[in-house]
Amino acid sequence: MRASGSLSVYRLVVIGLAAITLIALVLLWPDGERESDLKFGSPTPTEKAEVESVSKVECQVPVDDATCLEASIRLKSGPEAGDLATLDVTSRSADSVVDPGDNIKVAAISTDGGPTIYSLIDFERGPPLLILAVAFTFLVILFGRLRGALSLVGLAASLAIVLFFIIPAILDKQPPLAVALAGSMAVMLVTITLAHGTGPKSIAAILGTSVSLLLVGLLAVIFTSAANLTGFTSEEATLLSASDSGISISGLVIAGIIIGALGVLDDVTISQASTVIALRAANPKQSIGRLYHRAIEVGRDHVSATVNTLVLAYVGSSLPVLLILGSGEVGFTRAVNMEIVAKEIVATLVGSIGLIAAVPITTLLAALMSKSMDRADLAAEASHGHHH
């Protein structure tokens, strides 16, 4: 009875965390009727078009190391749909900006009494993204079956929380740190519960992830302040600041670190909890101490691999910056001192520290909970283990 009661205590703690998260969501929920202060001027009308031909032309205004192109485009939307138009493009890249057959978006600029002038805005990326999304969904369901389908539901719920709570709440001038923590907790509770149920494994993972998320948030606040990270490392941040929206740009850096760490945290906590349950099921008589040490050995391997994944993810997203550093024009000390580099270092190291902390916390909780489980419960939980 004592063991069963012990498991109930952990379950009550999770229910308490869920209640606190729900209260935080309600308190921070954006006012849908409030008009955002985020203004970037009047939007320029855009139309869809397809490139039919491209030819090099002489630049009307000489530009160093640039190629001027004239593209013939057929409009696919707007009042002039079906008509041919001319698009002038200047390219400084080694690659051609547009090619025949490309589907693009163009800005339509009307002139007094003259023809409409078109300028390239972006490419139409919908079809390839849709194909990729369908392939991803098919493979997840094919290999994951019911749990794969539930994980997709969890993914959809996560995106919904980001789109309908986190982003609107930050635009509503709510504190980014509080919004990120509340949103991340909600995402974690939904995804873990949907994909792995509400058993001891999920309880241990939820508690371990929660403690680690709070640690990541605390470290993010301390080190973004200590390193004087302002967040002004991109055009988007500068635009947000210039828009007079009142949004804390440094707060966005902290929020980004917390949300970025969540993905690896819930993965490693579920893995550790699954490992503990499987080891306990294989030998129900082993002590908590022995079970903990055996599971930690697996955890060390997982941490080293996941930290590597975390670092490579940031490296992959920062390749243009790394190319500049690799050119030799900027010394190592100066490079590390640049905010665009320092921000990625802080994000990587803070996320990694949270990851490392999550392993012993989750392992200990899962070991304590597994002691209160009988053979049937252990077998049931172990049969739904987390696999890579």
Protein backbone atom coordinates (compact mmCIF):
# COMPACT_ATOMS: atom_id res chain seq x y z
CA MET A 1 0.00 0.00 0.00
CA ARG A 2 2.90 2.39 0.78
CA ALA A 3 4.38 1.88 -2.67
CA SER A 4 1.05 2.46 -4.39
CA GLY A 5 0.52 5.58 -2.30
CA SER A 6 3.95 6.81 -3.31
CA LEU A 7 3.01 6.53 -6.99
CA SER A 8 -0.20 8.44 -6.30
CA VAL A 9 1.83 11.31 -4.81
CA TYR A 10 3.83 11.67 -8.03
CA ARG A 11 0.62 11.57 -10.04
CA LEU A 12 -0.85 14.33 -7.85
CA VAL A 13 2.26 16.46 -8.43
CA VAL A 14 1.77 16.12 -12.20
CA ILE A 15 -1.91 17.06 -11.84
CA GLY A 16 -0.78 20.09 -9.83
CA LEU A 17 1.70 21.07 -12.57
CA ALA A 18 -1.04 20.71 -15.18
CA ALA A 19 -3.34 22.93 -13.09
CA ILE A 20 -0.63 25.59 -12.67
CA THR A 21 0.06 25.48 -16.42
CA LEU A 22 -3.65 25.88 -17.19
CA ILE A 23 -3.91 28.85 -14.81
CA ALA A 24 -0.83 30.44 -16.42
CA LEU A 25 -2.34 29.96 -19.89
CA VAL A 26 -5.57 31.65 -18.77
CA LEU A 27 -3.74 34.58 -17.14
CA LEU A 28 -1.39 35.09 -20.09
CA TRP A 29 -3.94 34.37 -22.83
CA PRO A 30 -3.93 37.26 -25.33
CA ASP A 31 -6.96 39.50 -25.71
CA GLY A 32 -8.32 38.64 -29.14
CA GLU A 33 -10.02 42.02 -29.48
CA ARG A 34 -6.84 43.99 -28.86
CA GLU A 35 -5.23 45.46 -31.97
CA SER A 36 -1.52 44.72 -32.24
CA ASP A 37 0.91 47.64 -32.12
CA LEU A 38 3.11 45.79 -34.59
CA LYS A 39 2.93 47.91 -37.73
CA PHE A 40 5.19 47.68 -40.76
CA GLY A 41 3.33 50.04 -43.09
CA SER A 42 0.77 49.25 -45.76
CA PRO A 43 1.30 45.86 -47.40
CA THR A 44 2.10 45.88 -51.12
CA PRO A 45 -0.33 43.79 -53.23
CA THR A 46 1.28 40.51 -54.33
CA GLU A 47 0.37 38.23 -57.21
CA LYS A 48 1.33 34.70 -58.28
CA ALA A 49 3.28 34.24 -61.50
CA GLU A 50 5.28 31.66 -63.47
CA VAL A 51 8.63 32.41 -65.09
CA GLU A 52 8.59 31.60 -68.82
CA SER A 53 12.03 32.80 -69.93
CA VAL A 54 15.11 34.52 -68.49
CA SER A 55 17.80 36.51 -70.29
CA LYS A 56 20.82 38.51 -69.18
CA VAL A 57 20.68 42.25 -69.85
CA GLU A 58 22.95 45.20 -69.28
CA CYS A 59 22.43 46.80 -65.87
CA GLN A 60 20.84 50.25 -66.13
CA VAL A 61 22.68 51.22 -62.95
CA PRO A 62 26.14 49.55 -62.69
CA VAL A 63 26.44 47.32 -59.62
CA ASP A 64 29.71 45.64 -58.63
CA ASP A 65 29.77 41.84 -59.02
CA ALA A 66 26.11 41.72 -60.01
CA THR A 67 24.22 40.18 -62.91
CA CYS A 68 21.08 41.84 -64.24
CA LEU A 69 18.32 39.58 -65.55
CA GLU A 70 15.10 40.22 -67.41
CA ALA A 71 12.43 37.58 -66.91
CA SER A 72 9.25 37.12 -68.89
CA ILE A 73 6.52 36.06 -66.46
CA ARG A 74 2.91 34.95 -66.89
CA LEU A 75 0.63 36.25 -64.16
CA LYS A 76 -1.54 33.60 -62.45
CA SER A 77 -3.61 35.83 -60.17
CA GLY A 78 -4.94 39.36 -59.94
CA PRO A 79 -6.73 41.55 -62.49
CA GLU A 80 -4.10 40.83 -65.17
CA ALA A 81 -4.07 37.03 -64.70
CA GLY A 82 -3.02 35.26 -67.90
CA ASP A 83 -1.08 38.27 -69.22
CA LEU A 84 2.66 38.37 -69.84
CA ALA A 85 4.78 40.87 -67.90
CA THR A 86 8.45 41.73 -67.52
CA LEU A 87 10.38 41.31 -64.29
CA ASP A 88 13.83 42.88 -63.72
CA VAL A 89 16.07 41.06 -61.25
CA THR A 90 19.57 41.85 -59.98
CA SER A 91 21.62 38.91 -58.71
CA ARG A 92 24.81 38.98 -56.65
CA SER A 93 24.71 35.22 -56.12
CA ALA A 94 26.59 32.61 -58.13
CA ASP A 95 23.21 30.95 -58.71
CA SER A 96 20.57 32.37 -61.02
CA VAL A 97 17.79 34.04 -59.02
CA VAL A 98 14.95 32.75 -61.21
CA ASP A 99 14.73 30.03 -63.85
CA PRO A 100 12.08 29.14 -66.43
CA GLY A 101 9.26 27.18 -64.80
CA ASP A 102 9.70 28.74 -61.36
CA ASN A 103 6.49 29.72 -59.57
CA ILE A 104 7.03 33.06 -57.85
CA LYS A 105 5.28 35.84 -55.97
CA VAL A 106 5.65 39.38 -57.27
CA ALA A 107 4.74 42.78 -55.89
CA ALA A 108 2.40 44.76 -58.14
CA ILE A 109 3.24 48.48 -58.06
CA SER A 110 0.80 50.71 -59.94
CA THR A 111 2.08 53.84 -61.67
CA ASP A 112 0.04 56.91 -62.62
CA GLY A 113 -1.13 56.34 -66.16
CA GLY A 114 1.68 53.86 -66.84
CA PRO A 115 1.99 50.06 -66.83
CA THR A 116 2.09 48.10 -63.58
CA ILE A 117 5.65 47.43 -62.42
CA TYR A 118 6.42 44.01 -60.93
CA SER A 119 9.23 43.11 -58.53
CA LEU A 120 10.23 39.71 -57.14
CA ILE A 121 9.04 39.09 -53.58
CA ASP A 122 9.57 35.36 -53.06
CA PHE A 123 9.12 31.90 -54.50
CA GLU A 124 5.90 29.88 -54.28
CA ARG A 125 6.96 27.04 -51.95
CA GLY A 126 3.57 25.51 -51.18
CA PRO A 127 3.62 22.41 -53.47
CA PRO A 128 7.05 20.99 -52.45
CA LEU A 129 6.32 21.67 -48.78
CA LEU A 130 2.98 19.87 -49.10
CA ILE A 131 4.63 16.85 -50.76
CA LEU A 132 7.25 16.72 -47.98
CA ALA A 133 4.57 16.99 -45.27
CA VAL A 134 2.51 14.17 -46.83
CA ALA A 135 5.60 11.93 -47.10
CA PHE A 136 6.52 12.67 -43.47
CA THR A 137 2.99 11.91 -42.25
CA PHE A 138 2.85 8.65 -44.23
CA LEU A 139 6.20 7.41 -42.87
CA VAL A 140 5.36 8.32 -39.26
CA ILE A 141 2.07 6.40 -39.44
CA LEU A 142 3.66 3.50 -41.38
CA PHE A 143 6.37 2.91 -38.77
CA GLY A 144 4.73 4.30 -35.65
CA ARG A 145 1.20 2.99 -36.29
CA LEU A 146 -1.18 4.13 -33.52
CA ARG A 147 1.55 5.81 -31.47
CA GLY A 148 2.86 7.45 -34.62
CA ALA A 149 -0.61 8.82 -35.35
CA LEU A 150 -0.93 10.05 -31.76
CA SER A 151 2.48 11.74 -32.01
CA LEU A 152 1.21 13.60 -35.10
CA VAL A 153 -1.81 14.74 -33.09
CA GLY A 154 0.62 15.91 -30.42
CA LEU A 155 2.67 17.74 -33.05
CA ALA A 156 -0.46 19.47 -34.33
CA ALA A 157 -1.35 20.45 -30.76
CA SER A 158 2.17 21.82 -30.23
CA LEU A 159 1.94 23.95 -33.37
CA ALA A 160 -1.50 25.16 -32.27
CA ILE A 161 -0.10 26.25 -28.88
CA VAL A 162 2.73 28.13 -30.61
CA LEU A 163 0.46 29.78 -33.20
CA PHE A 164 -2.56 30.55 -31.02
CA PHE A 165 -0.93 31.21 -27.64
CA ILE A 166 2.83 31.86 -27.62
CA ILE A 167 3.04 34.21 -30.61
CA PRO A 168 -0.20 36.17 -29.91
CA ALA A 169 0.68 36.45 -26.19
CA ILE A 170 4.13 37.89 -26.95
CA LEU A 171 2.54 40.30 -29.44
CA ASP A 172 0.14 41.22 -26.62
CA LYS A 173 3.20 42.37 -24.62
CA GLN A 174 3.02 39.53 -22.10
CA PRO A 175 6.44 38.65 -20.54
CA PRO A 176 8.24 36.37 -23.07
CA LEU A 177 9.82 34.27 -20.28
CA ALA A 178 6.46 33.49 -18.65
CA VAL A 179 4.82 32.85 -22.03
CA ALA A 180 7.62 30.50 -23.13
CA LEU A 181 7.53 28.51 -19.88
CA ALA A 182 3.73 28.22 -19.85
CA GLY A 183 3.60 27.34 -23.55
CA SER A 184 6.45 24.81 -23.28
CA MET A 185 4.84 23.14 -20.27
CA ALA A 186 1.55 22.88 -22.18
CA VAL A 187 3.31 21.43 -25.24
CA MET A 188 5.20 18.92 -23.10
CA LEU A 189 2.12 17.77 -21.16
CA VAL A 190 0.08 17.29 -24.33
CA THR A 191 2.76 15.55 -26.43
CA ILE A 192 4.02 13.17 -23.74
CA THR A 193 0.50 12.21 -22.66
CA LEU A 194 -0.71 11.62 -26.22
CA ALA A 195 2.34 9.65 -27.35
CA HIS A 196 3.09 7.68 -24.17
CA GLY A 197 -0.03 7.65 -22.02
CA THR A 198 -0.37 8.56 -18.34
CA GLY A 199 1.61 5.74 -16.72
CA PRO A 200 4.66 5.95 -14.43
CA LYS A 201 6.99 6.37 -17.41
CA SER A 202 5.16 9.49 -18.57
CA ILE A 203 4.89 10.84 -15.01
CA ALA A 204 8.67 10.54 -14.51
CA ALA A 205 9.34 12.15 -17.90
CA ILE A 206 6.94 15.04 -17.20
CA LEU A 207 8.48 15.75 -13.79
CA GLY A 208 12.05 15.48 -15.11
CA THR A 209 11.30 17.73 -18.08
CA SER A 210 9.54 20.29 -15.87
CA VAL A 211 12.49 20.65 -13.48
CA SER A 212 14.93 20.85 -16.39
CA LEU A 213 12.81 23.47 -18.20
CA LEU A 214 12.84 25.66 -15.09
CA LEU A 215 16.62 25.25 -14.89
CA VAL A 216 17.00 26.19 -18.56
CA GLY A 217 14.80 29.24 -18.01
CA LEU A 218 16.83 30.34 -14.98
CA LEU A 219 20.17 29.87 -16.76
CA ALA A 220 18.86 31.62 -19.88
CA VAL A 221 17.86 34.67 -17.81
CA ILE A 222 21.21 34.76 -15.97
CA PHE A 223 23.48 34.31 -18.98
CA THR A 224 21.62 36.45 -21.50
CA SER A 225 21.96 39.24 -18.96
CA ALA A 226 25.59 38.43 -18.05
CA ALA A 227 26.59 38.25 -21.73
CA ASN A 228 24.55 41.39 -22.56
CA LEU A 229 22.62 39.60 -25.30
CA THR A 230 20.26 42.19 -26.75
CA GLY A 231 18.77 40.01 -29.49
CA PHE A 232 19.60 42.51 -32.24
CA THR A 233 21.30 39.99 -34.51
CA SER A 234 18.80 39.88 -37.37
CA GLU A 235 16.74 42.16 -39.57
CA GLU A 236 13.59 40.73 -37.99
CA ALA A 237 14.66 41.82 -34.49
CA THR A 238 15.49 45.30 -35.77
CA LEU A 239 12.08 45.52 -37.45
CA LEU A 240 10.34 44.46 -34.24
CA SER A 241 12.22 47.13 -32.32
CA ALA A 242 11.49 49.82 -34.91
CA SER A 243 7.78 48.94 -34.94
CA ASP A 244 7.30 50.50 -31.48
CA SER A 245 5.50 47.33 -30.39
CA GLY A 246 6.99 47.33 -26.89
CA ILE A 247 8.15 43.70 -27.29
CA SER A 248 11.28 42.80 -25.29
CA ILE A 249 13.84 41.61 -27.86
CA SER A 250 16.15 40.18 -25.17
CA GLY A 251 13.09 38.42 -23.75
CA LEU A 252 12.58 36.78 -27.14
CA VAL A 253 16.14 35.40 -26.93
CA ILE A 254 15.29 33.77 -23.58
CA ALA A 255 11.99 32.42 -24.92
CA GLY A 256 13.76 30.97 -27.96
CA ILE A 257 16.30 29.16 -25.78
CA ILE A 258 13.54 27.59 -23.64
CA ILE A 259 11.41 26.48 -26.58
CA GLY A 260 14.48 25.20 -28.46
CA ALA A 261 15.57 23.08 -25.48
CA LEU A 262 12.13 21.48 -25.02
CA GLY A 263 12.44 19.21 -28.07
CA VAL A 264 15.54 17.39 -26.82
CA LEU A 265 14.44 17.41 -23.19
CA ASP A 266 11.23 15.44 -23.65
CA ASP A 267 13.05 12.96 -25.89
CA VAL A 268 15.79 12.21 -23.37
CA THR A 269 13.42 12.05 -20.37
CA ILE A 270 11.10 9.57 -22.07
CA SER A 271 14.12 7.49 -23.12
CA GLN A 272 15.47 7.40 -19.56
CA ALA A 273 12.11 6.53 -18.04
CA SER A 274 11.66 3.75 -20.62
CA THR A 275 15.14 2.41 -19.86
CA VAL A 276 14.42 2.26 -16.13
CA ILE A 277 11.10 0.47 -16.64
CA ALA A 278 12.69 -2.06 -19.03
CA LEU A 279 15.55 -2.77 -16.60
CA ARG A 280 13.12 -3.16 -13.69
CA ALA A 281 10.91 -5.50 -15.77
CA ALA A 282 13.95 -7.64 -16.64
CA ASN A 283 14.93 -7.94 -12.96
CA PRO A 284 12.18 -6.78 -10.56
CA LYS A 285 14.24 -7.68 -7.46
CA GLN A 286 17.18 -5.32 -8.05
CA SER A 287 17.61 -2.42 -5.65
CA ILE A 288 16.80 1.18 -6.55
CA GLY A 289 20.51 2.06 -6.30
CA ARG A 290 21.60 -0.66 -8.72
CA LEU A 291 18.72 0.16 -11.09
CA TYR A 292 19.67 3.86 -11.04
CA HIS A 293 23.33 3.21 -11.83
CA ARG A 294 22.54 0.81 -14.68
CA ALA A 295 20.09 3.28 -16.23
CA ILE A 296 22.54 6.18 -15.82
CA GLU A 297 25.10 4.28 -17.93
CA VAL A 298 22.58 4.26 -20.78
CA GLY A 299 21.78 7.90 -20.06
CA ARG A 300 25.41 8.96 -20.46
CA ASP A 301 25.47 7.53 -23.98
CA HIS A 302 22.20 9.23 -24.81
CA VAL A 303 23.35 12.60 -23.44
CA SER A 304 26.59 12.56 -25.44
CA ALA A 305 24.68 11.78 -28.64
CA THR A 306 21.93 14.33 -27.96
CA VAL A 307 24.34 17.13 -27.02
CA ASN A 308 26.10 16.46 -30.31
CA THR A 309 22.73 16.69 -32.08
CA LEU A 310 21.97 19.97 -30.31
CA VAL A 311 25.32 21.50 -31.25
CA LEU A 312 25.08 20.35 -34.88
CA ALA A 313 21.54 21.76 -35.14
CA TYR A 314 22.83 25.20 -34.15
CA VAL A 315 25.88 24.83 -36.41
CA GLY A 316 23.65 23.92 -39.34
CA SER A 317 21.48 26.99 -38.83
CA SER A 318 24.56 29.24 -38.54
CA LEU A 319 26.59 28.11 -41.56
CA PRO A 320 26.70 31.56 -43.26
CA VAL A 321 28.11 33.08 -40.06
CA LEU A 322 30.64 30.25 -39.73
CA LEU A 323 31.77 30.84 -43.32
CA ILE A 324 32.56 34.45 -42.44
CA LEU A 325 34.51 33.29 -39.38
CA GLY A 326 36.32 30.65 -41.42
CA SER A 327 37.52 33.23 -43.93
CA GLY A 328 40.21 34.31 -41.48
CA GLU A 329 39.12 37.94 -41.55
CA VAL A 330 37.77 37.69 -38.00
CA GLY A 331 39.87 36.27 -35.15
CA PHE A 332 38.50 33.60 -32.81
CA THR A 333 38.33 35.87 -29.75
CA ARG A 334 36.56 38.60 -31.67
CA ALA A 335 34.23 36.08 -33.29
CA VAL A 336 33.14 34.57 -29.97
CA ASN A 337 32.53 38.09 -28.68
CA MET A 338 30.13 38.86 -31.55
CA GLU A 339 26.53 38.66 -30.35
CA ILE A 340 25.36 36.54 -33.28
CA VAL A 341 27.89 33.86 -32.23
CA ALA A 342 27.61 34.37 -28.46
CA LYS A 343 23.83 33.91 -28.64
CA GLU A 344 24.19 30.48 -30.26
CA ILE A 345 26.87 29.47 -27.74
CA VAL A 346 24.65 30.47 -24.80
CA ALA A 347 21.64 28.66 -26.32
CA THR A 348 23.66 25.49 -26.97
CA LEU A 349 25.34 25.35 -23.56
CA VAL A 350 22.24 26.28 -21.55
CA GLY A 351 20.19 23.67 -23.43
CA SER A 352 22.93 21.07 -22.90
CA ILE A 353 23.12 21.77 -19.15
CA GLY A 354 19.35 21.32 -18.91
CA LEU A 355 19.68 18.09 -20.88
CA ILE A 356 22.40 16.74 -18.58
CA ALA A 357 20.35 17.63 -15.49
CA ALA A 358 17.26 15.91 -16.90
CA VAL A 359 18.94 12.48 -17.00
CA PRO A 360 19.66 11.87 -13.28
CA ILE A 361 16.42 13.58 -12.20
CA THR A 362 14.23 11.48 -14.50
CA THR A 363 16.19 8.30 -13.81
CA LEU A 364 15.81 8.65 -10.04
CA LEU A 365 12.09 9.44 -10.27
CA ALA A 366 11.45 6.51 -12.61
CA ALA A 367 13.48 4.16 -10.36
CA LEU A 368 11.48 5.20 -7.29
CA MET A 369 8.16 4.82 -9.11
CA SER A 370 9.06 1.47 -10.66
CA LYS A 371 9.51 0.04 -7.15
CA SER A 372 5.76 0.42 -6.61
CA MET A 373 4.81 -1.43 -9.82
CA ASP A 374 3.91 -5.12 -9.98
CA ARG A 375 5.12 -7.45 -12.74
CA ALA A 376 2.00 -6.95 -14.89
CA ASP A 377 2.32 -3.16 -14.79
CA LEU A 378 6.05 -3.35 -15.54
CA ALA A 379 5.44 -5.63 -18.52
CA ALA A 380 2.71 -3.34 -19.86
CA GLU A 381 4.86 -0.20 -19.55
CA ALA A 382 7.97 -1.91 -20.95
CA SER A 383 6.03 -3.15 -23.99
CA HIS A 384 5.38 0.47 -24.93
CA GLY A 385 8.99 1.57 -24.61
CA HIS A 386 10.60 4.50 -26.36
CA HIS A 387 12.71 3.52 -29.33
CA HIS A 388 15.12 5.38 -31.61
